Amino acid sequence: MLQRVSRANVSVGGEIVGSIGRGVVLLAGIAHGDDVETVRQIARKCAELRVFPDDDGKFDRSLIDIGGEALVVSQFTLLADTRRGRRPGFTDSAAPGEAAPLVEAFAEALRDAGVRVATGRFGAMMQVEFVNDGPVTIILDSAELDRPRR
């Protein structure tokens, strides 16, 4: 999930471990079957997605275009299954040993695209604070990478 922000930070145990100015918060949920190539493609899409306004106020500038920053926070709860009962299930989420290196590969791919990246701490209980600019929130799903446009 991508959220356009004017500023954001993530803290663990009261200590800020990552902060950014203008840019995006990227909440990364890694699913079974995701791989390095998938997270690289999603990272490139996040870096190039035109969600920032041009001089006419139209979404026509990307994170790269504006020199923005990204705060990457792992969030397995994005893959919650709430179809049955009252307690969400997380069986679609990749195991921590599988997910952690993919979240790091995602952050590294953003850096390779020229984006300054801050991160949370994988597996920790984190507090994320941000000012959603717009608000603009977009869900990106790896299943949609090769899907044709309507």
C-alpha atoms as a PDB file:
ATOM      1  CA  MET A   1       0.000   0.000   0.000  1.00  0.00           C
ATOM      2  CA  LEU A   2       1.311   3.407  -0.981  1.00  0.00           C
ATOM      3  CA  GLN A   3       0.360   6.559   0.893  1.00  0.00           C
ATOM      4  CA  ARG A   4       1.538   9.962  -0.268  1.00  0.00           C
ATOM      5  CA  VAL A   5       2.830  11.928   2.710  1.00  0.00           C
ATOM      6  CA  SER A   6       4.297  15.286   3.599  1.00  0.00           C
ATOM      7  CA  ARG A   7       6.317  13.611   6.375  1.00  0.00           C
ATOM      8  CA  ALA A   8       6.480  10.308   8.233  1.00  0.00           C
ATOM      9  CA  ASN A   9       8.403   8.370  10.836  1.00  0.00           C
ATOM     10  CA  VAL A  10       8.457   4.939  12.407  1.00  0.00           C
ATOM     11  CA  SER A  11       9.533   4.192  15.949  1.00  0.00           C
ATOM     12  CA  VAL A  12      10.240   1.084  17.985  1.00  0.00           C
ATOM     13  CA  GLY A  13      10.071   1.265  21.758  1.00  0.00           C
ATOM     14  CA  GLY A  14       9.849   5.053  21.663  1.00  0.00           C
ATOM     15  CA  GLU A  15      12.968   5.411  19.455  1.00  0.00           C
ATOM     16  CA  ILE A  16      12.559   6.770  15.920  1.00  0.00           C
ATOM     17  CA  VAL A  17      14.244   4.257  13.630  1.00  0.00           C
ATOM     18  CA  GLY A  18      13.286   5.848  10.300  1.00  0.00           C
ATOM     19  CA  SER A  19      11.905   9.155   9.085  1.00  0.00           C
ATOM     20  CA  ILE A  20      11.250  10.925   5.797  1.00  0.00           C
ATOM     21  CA  GLY A  21      10.036  14.235   4.472  1.00  0.00           C
ATOM     22  CA  ARG A  22       7.859  14.539   1.369  1.00  0.00           C
ATOM     23  CA  GLY A  23       7.304  11.222  -0.326  1.00  0.00           C
ATOM     24  CA  VAL A  24       5.495   7.959   0.297  1.00  0.00           C
ATOM     25  CA  VAL A  25       4.921   5.467   3.072  1.00  0.00           C
ATOM     26  CA  LEU A  26       5.038   1.975   1.618  1.00  0.00           C
ATOM     27  CA  LEU A  27       3.413  -0.704   3.753  1.00  0.00           C
ATOM     28  CA  ALA A  28       4.794  -3.976   2.399  1.00  0.00           C
ATOM     29  CA  GLY A  29       2.898  -7.231   2.816  1.00  0.00           C
ATOM     30  CA  ILE A  30       4.814 -10.223   1.473  1.00  0.00           C
ATOM     31  CA  ALA A  31       2.688 -13.169   0.353  1.00  0.00           C
ATOM     32  CA  HIS A  32       3.547 -16.797  -0.300  1.00  0.00           C
ATOM     33  CA  GLY A  33       4.890 -17.013  -3.833  1.00  0.00           C
ATOM     34  CA  ASP A  34       6.353 -13.499  -3.924  1.00  0.00           C
ATOM     35  CA  ASP A  35       9.977 -13.465  -5.024  1.00  0.00           C
ATOM     36  CA  VAL A  36      12.824 -11.013  -5.569  1.00  0.00           C
ATOM     37  CA  GLU A  37      11.724 -10.200  -9.113  1.00  0.00           C
ATOM     38  CA  THR A  38       8.173  -9.484  -7.949  1.00  0.00           C
ATOM     39  CA  VAL A  39       9.265  -7.076  -5.216  1.00  0.00           C
ATOM     40  CA  ARG A  40      11.681  -5.353  -7.602  1.00  0.00           C
ATOM     41  CA  GLN A  41       8.862  -4.800 -10.102  1.00  0.00           C
ATOM     42  CA  ILE A  42       6.554  -3.411  -7.404  1.00  0.00           C
ATOM     43  CA  ALA A  43       9.357  -1.162  -6.108  1.00  0.00           C
ATOM     44  CA  ARG A  44       9.993   0.220  -9.586  1.00  0.00           C
ATOM     45  CA  LYS A  45       6.268   0.831 -10.015  1.00  0.00           C
ATOM     46  CA  CYS A  46       6.151   2.679  -6.663  1.00  0.00           C
ATOM     47  CA  ALA A  47       9.117   4.852  -7.642  1.00  0.00           C
ATOM     48  CA  GLU A  48       7.615   5.694 -11.033  1.00  0.00           C
ATOM     49  CA  LEU A  49       3.912   5.933 -10.170  1.00  0.00           C
ATOM     50  CA  ARG A  50       2.700   9.457 -10.945  1.00  0.00           C
ATOM     51  CA  VAL A  51       0.897  10.399  -7.725  1.00  0.00           C
ATOM     52  CA  PHE A  52       2.348  13.870  -7.163  1.00  0.00           C
ATOM     53  CA  PRO A  53       0.809  16.958  -8.730  1.00  0.00           C
ATOM     54  CA  ASP A  54       2.326  18.951 -11.540  1.00  0.00           C
ATOM     55  CA  ASP A  55       1.923  22.741 -11.768  1.00  0.00           C
ATOM     56  CA  ASP A  56      -1.685  22.255 -12.912  1.00  0.00           C
ATOM     57  CA  GLY A  57      -2.520  20.003  -9.953  1.00  0.00           C
ATOM     58  CA  LYS A  58      -2.727  16.824 -12.055  1.00  0.00           C
ATOM     59  CA  PHE A  59      -1.119  13.565 -10.953  1.00  0.00           C
ATOM     60  CA  ASP A  60       1.819  13.721 -13.328  1.00  0.00           C
ATOM     61  CA  ARG A  61       4.991  13.467 -11.212  1.00  0.00           C
ATOM     62  CA  SER A  62       6.582  10.437  -9.661  1.00  0.00           C
ATOM     63  CA  LEU A  63       8.588   9.977  -6.496  1.00  0.00           C
ATOM     64  CA  ILE A  64      11.720  10.074  -8.646  1.00  0.00           C
ATOM     65  CA  ASP A  65      10.559  13.254 -10.437  1.00  0.00           C
ATOM     66  CA  ILE A  66      10.097  15.180  -7.184  1.00  0.00           C
ATOM     67  CA  GLY A  67      13.187  13.786  -5.443  1.00  0.00           C
ATOM     68  CA  GLY A  68      10.891  12.334  -2.767  1.00  0.00           C
ATOM     69  CA  GLU A  69      11.646   9.804  -0.075  1.00  0.00           C
ATOM     70  CA  ALA A  70      10.135   6.454   0.883  1.00  0.00           C
ATOM     71  CA  LEU A  71       9.459   4.936   4.284  1.00  0.00           C
ATOM     72  CA  VAL A  72       9.183   1.138   3.924  1.00  0.00           C
ATOM     73  CA  VAL A  73       7.390  -0.701   6.719  1.00  0.00           C
ATOM     74  CA  SER A  74       6.758  -4.430   6.656  1.00  0.00           C
ATOM     75  CA  GLN A  75       3.103  -5.161   7.429  1.00  0.00           C
ATOM     76  CA  PHE A  76       1.944  -8.762   7.132  1.00  0.00           C
ATOM     77  CA  THR A  77      -1.543  -7.752   8.326  1.00  0.00           C
ATOM     78  CA  LEU A  78      -2.251  -6.367   4.844  1.00  0.00           C
ATOM     79  CA  LEU A  79      -2.789  -9.985   3.823  1.00  0.00           C
ATOM     80  CA  ALA A  80      -5.415 -10.658   6.492  1.00  0.00           C
ATOM     81  CA  ASP A  81      -8.219 -13.017   5.544  1.00  0.00           C
ATOM     82  CA  THR A  82     -11.426 -11.803   7.202  1.00  0.00           C
ATOM     83  CA  ARG A  83     -13.926 -13.925   5.298  1.00  0.00           C
ATOM     84  CA  ARG A  84     -14.772 -16.190   8.237  1.00  0.00           C
ATOM     85  CA  GLY A  85     -15.287 -15.516  11.912  1.00  0.00           C
ATOM     86  CA  ARG A  86     -14.109 -12.500  13.863  1.00  0.00           C
ATOM     87  CA  ARG A  87     -10.368 -13.168  14.017  1.00  0.00           C
ATOM     88  CA  PRO A  88      -8.330 -12.414  10.893  1.00  0.00           C
ATOM     89  CA  GLY A  89      -6.210 -15.214   9.468  1.00  0.00           C
ATOM     90  CA  PHE A  90      -2.734 -14.673   8.092  1.00  0.00           C
ATOM     91  CA  THR A  91      -2.062 -17.907   6.216  1.00  0.00           C
ATOM     92  CA  ASP A  92      -1.459 -15.992   2.966  1.00  0.00           C
ATOM     93  CA  SER A  93       1.449 -14.090   4.548  1.00  0.00           C
ATOM     94  CA  ALA A  94       4.950 -15.385   3.929  1.00  0.00           C
ATOM     95  CA  ALA A  95       6.826 -16.710   6.963  1.00  0.00           C
ATOM     96  CA  PRO A  96       9.218 -14.206   8.566  1.00  0.00           C
ATOM     97  CA  GLY A  97      12.307 -16.003   7.246  1.00  0.00           C
ATOM     98  CA  GLU A  98      10.946 -15.729   3.714  1.00  0.00           C
ATOM     99  CA  ALA A  99       9.493 -12.226   4.038  1.00  0.00           C
ATOM    100  CA  ALA A 100      12.375 -10.356   5.717  1.00  0.00           C
ATOM    101  CA  PRO A 101      14.842 -10.649   2.811  1.00  0.00           C
ATOM    102  CA  LEU A 102      12.102  -9.702   0.341  1.00  0.00           C
ATOM    103  CA  VAL A 103      11.234  -6.541   2.269  1.00  0.00           C
ATOM    104  CA  GLU A 104      14.941  -5.660   2.217  1.00  0.00           C
ATOM    105  CA  ALA A 105      15.091  -6.402  -1.537  1.00  0.00           C
ATOM    106  CA  PHE A 106      12.090  -4.096  -2.001  1.00  0.00           C
ATOM    107  CA  ALA A 107      13.862  -1.268  -0.141  1.00  0.00           C
ATOM    108  CA  GLU A 108      17.088  -1.899  -2.050  1.00  0.00           C
ATOM    109  CA  ALA A 109      15.264  -1.764  -5.406  1.00  0.00           C
ATOM    110  CA  LEU A 110      13.867   1.641  -4.444  1.00  0.00           C
ATOM    111  CA  ARG A 111      17.390   2.803  -3.583  1.00  0.00           C
ATOM    112  CA  ASP A 112      18.599   1.481  -6.940  1.00  0.00           C
ATOM    113  CA  ALA A 113      15.934   3.672  -8.576  1.00  0.00           C
ATOM    114  CA  GLY A 114      17.460   6.713  -6.864  1.00  0.00           C
ATOM    115  CA  VAL A 115      15.008   7.051  -3.971  1.00  0.00           C
ATOM    116  CA  ARG A 116      16.196   7.839  -0.439  1.00  0.00           C
ATOM    117  CA  VAL A 117      14.720   5.069   1.718  1.00  0.00           C
ATOM    118  CA  ALA A 118      14.124   4.775   5.451  1.00  0.00           C
ATOM    119  CA  THR A 119      12.767   1.582   6.971  1.00  0.00           C
ATOM    120  CA  GLY A 120      11.096   0.201  10.015  1.00  0.00           C
ATOM    121  CA  ARG A 121      12.457  -2.789  11.912  1.00  0.00           C
ATOM    122  CA  PHE A 122      11.213  -6.121  10.591  1.00  0.00           C
ATOM    123  CA  GLY A 123       9.262  -8.146  13.146  1.00  0.00           C
ATOM    124  CA  ALA A 124       9.164  -5.370  15.749  1.00  0.00           C
ATOM    125  CA  MET A 125       6.063  -3.733  17.169  1.00  0.00           C
ATOM    126  CA  MET A 126       6.238  -0.371  15.409  1.00  0.00           C
ATOM    127  CA  GLN A 127       4.418   2.923  15.649  1.00  0.00           C
ATOM    128  CA  VAL A 128       4.063   4.693  12.314  1.00  0.00           C
ATOM    129  CA  GLU A 129       3.201   8.378  12.225  1.00  0.00           C
ATOM    130  CA  PHE A 130       2.549  10.283   9.034  1.00  0.00           C
ATOM    131  CA  VAL A 131       0.661  13.127   7.456  1.00  0.00           C
ATOM    132  CA  ASN A 132      -1.224  11.680   4.487  1.00  0.00           C
ATOM    133  CA  ASP A 133      -1.033  14.294   1.746  1.00  0.00           C
ATOM    134  CA  GLY A 134      -4.266  14.538  -0.212  1.00  0.00           C
ATOM    135  CA  PRO A 135      -5.154  12.040   1.140  1.00  0.00           C
ATOM    136  CA  VAL A 136      -3.718   9.731  -1.479  1.00  0.00           C
ATOM    137  CA  THR A 137      -3.682   5.990  -0.772  1.00  0.00           C
ATOM    138  CA  ILE A 138      -3.153   3.370  -3.476  1.00  0.00           C
ATOM    139  CA  ILE A 139      -3.120  -0.401  -3.159  1.00  0.00           C
ATOM    140  CA  LEU A 140      -0.607  -2.183  -5.391  1.00  0.00           C
ATOM    141  CA  ASP A 141      -0.904  -5.943  -5.715  1.00  0.00           C
ATOM    142  CA  SER A 142       1.677  -8.221  -7.305  1.00  0.00           C
ATOM    143  CA  ALA A 143      -1.179 -10.140  -8.937  1.00  0.00           C
ATOM    144  CA  GLU A 144      -1.874  -7.043 -11.043  1.00  0.00           C
ATOM    145  CA  LEU A 145       1.627  -6.683 -12.493  1.00  0.00           C
ATOM    146  CA  ASP A 146       0.846  -8.521 -15.721  1.00  0.00           C
ATOM    147  CA  ARG A 147      -2.892  -7.841 -15.848  1.00  0.00           C
ATOM    148  CA  PRO A 148      -3.996  -5.948 -18.964  1.00  0.00           C
ATOM    149  CA  ARG A 149      -5.613  -2.536 -18.571  1.00  0.00           C
ATOM    150  CA  ARG A 150      -9.342  -2.129 -19.065  1.00  0.00           C
END
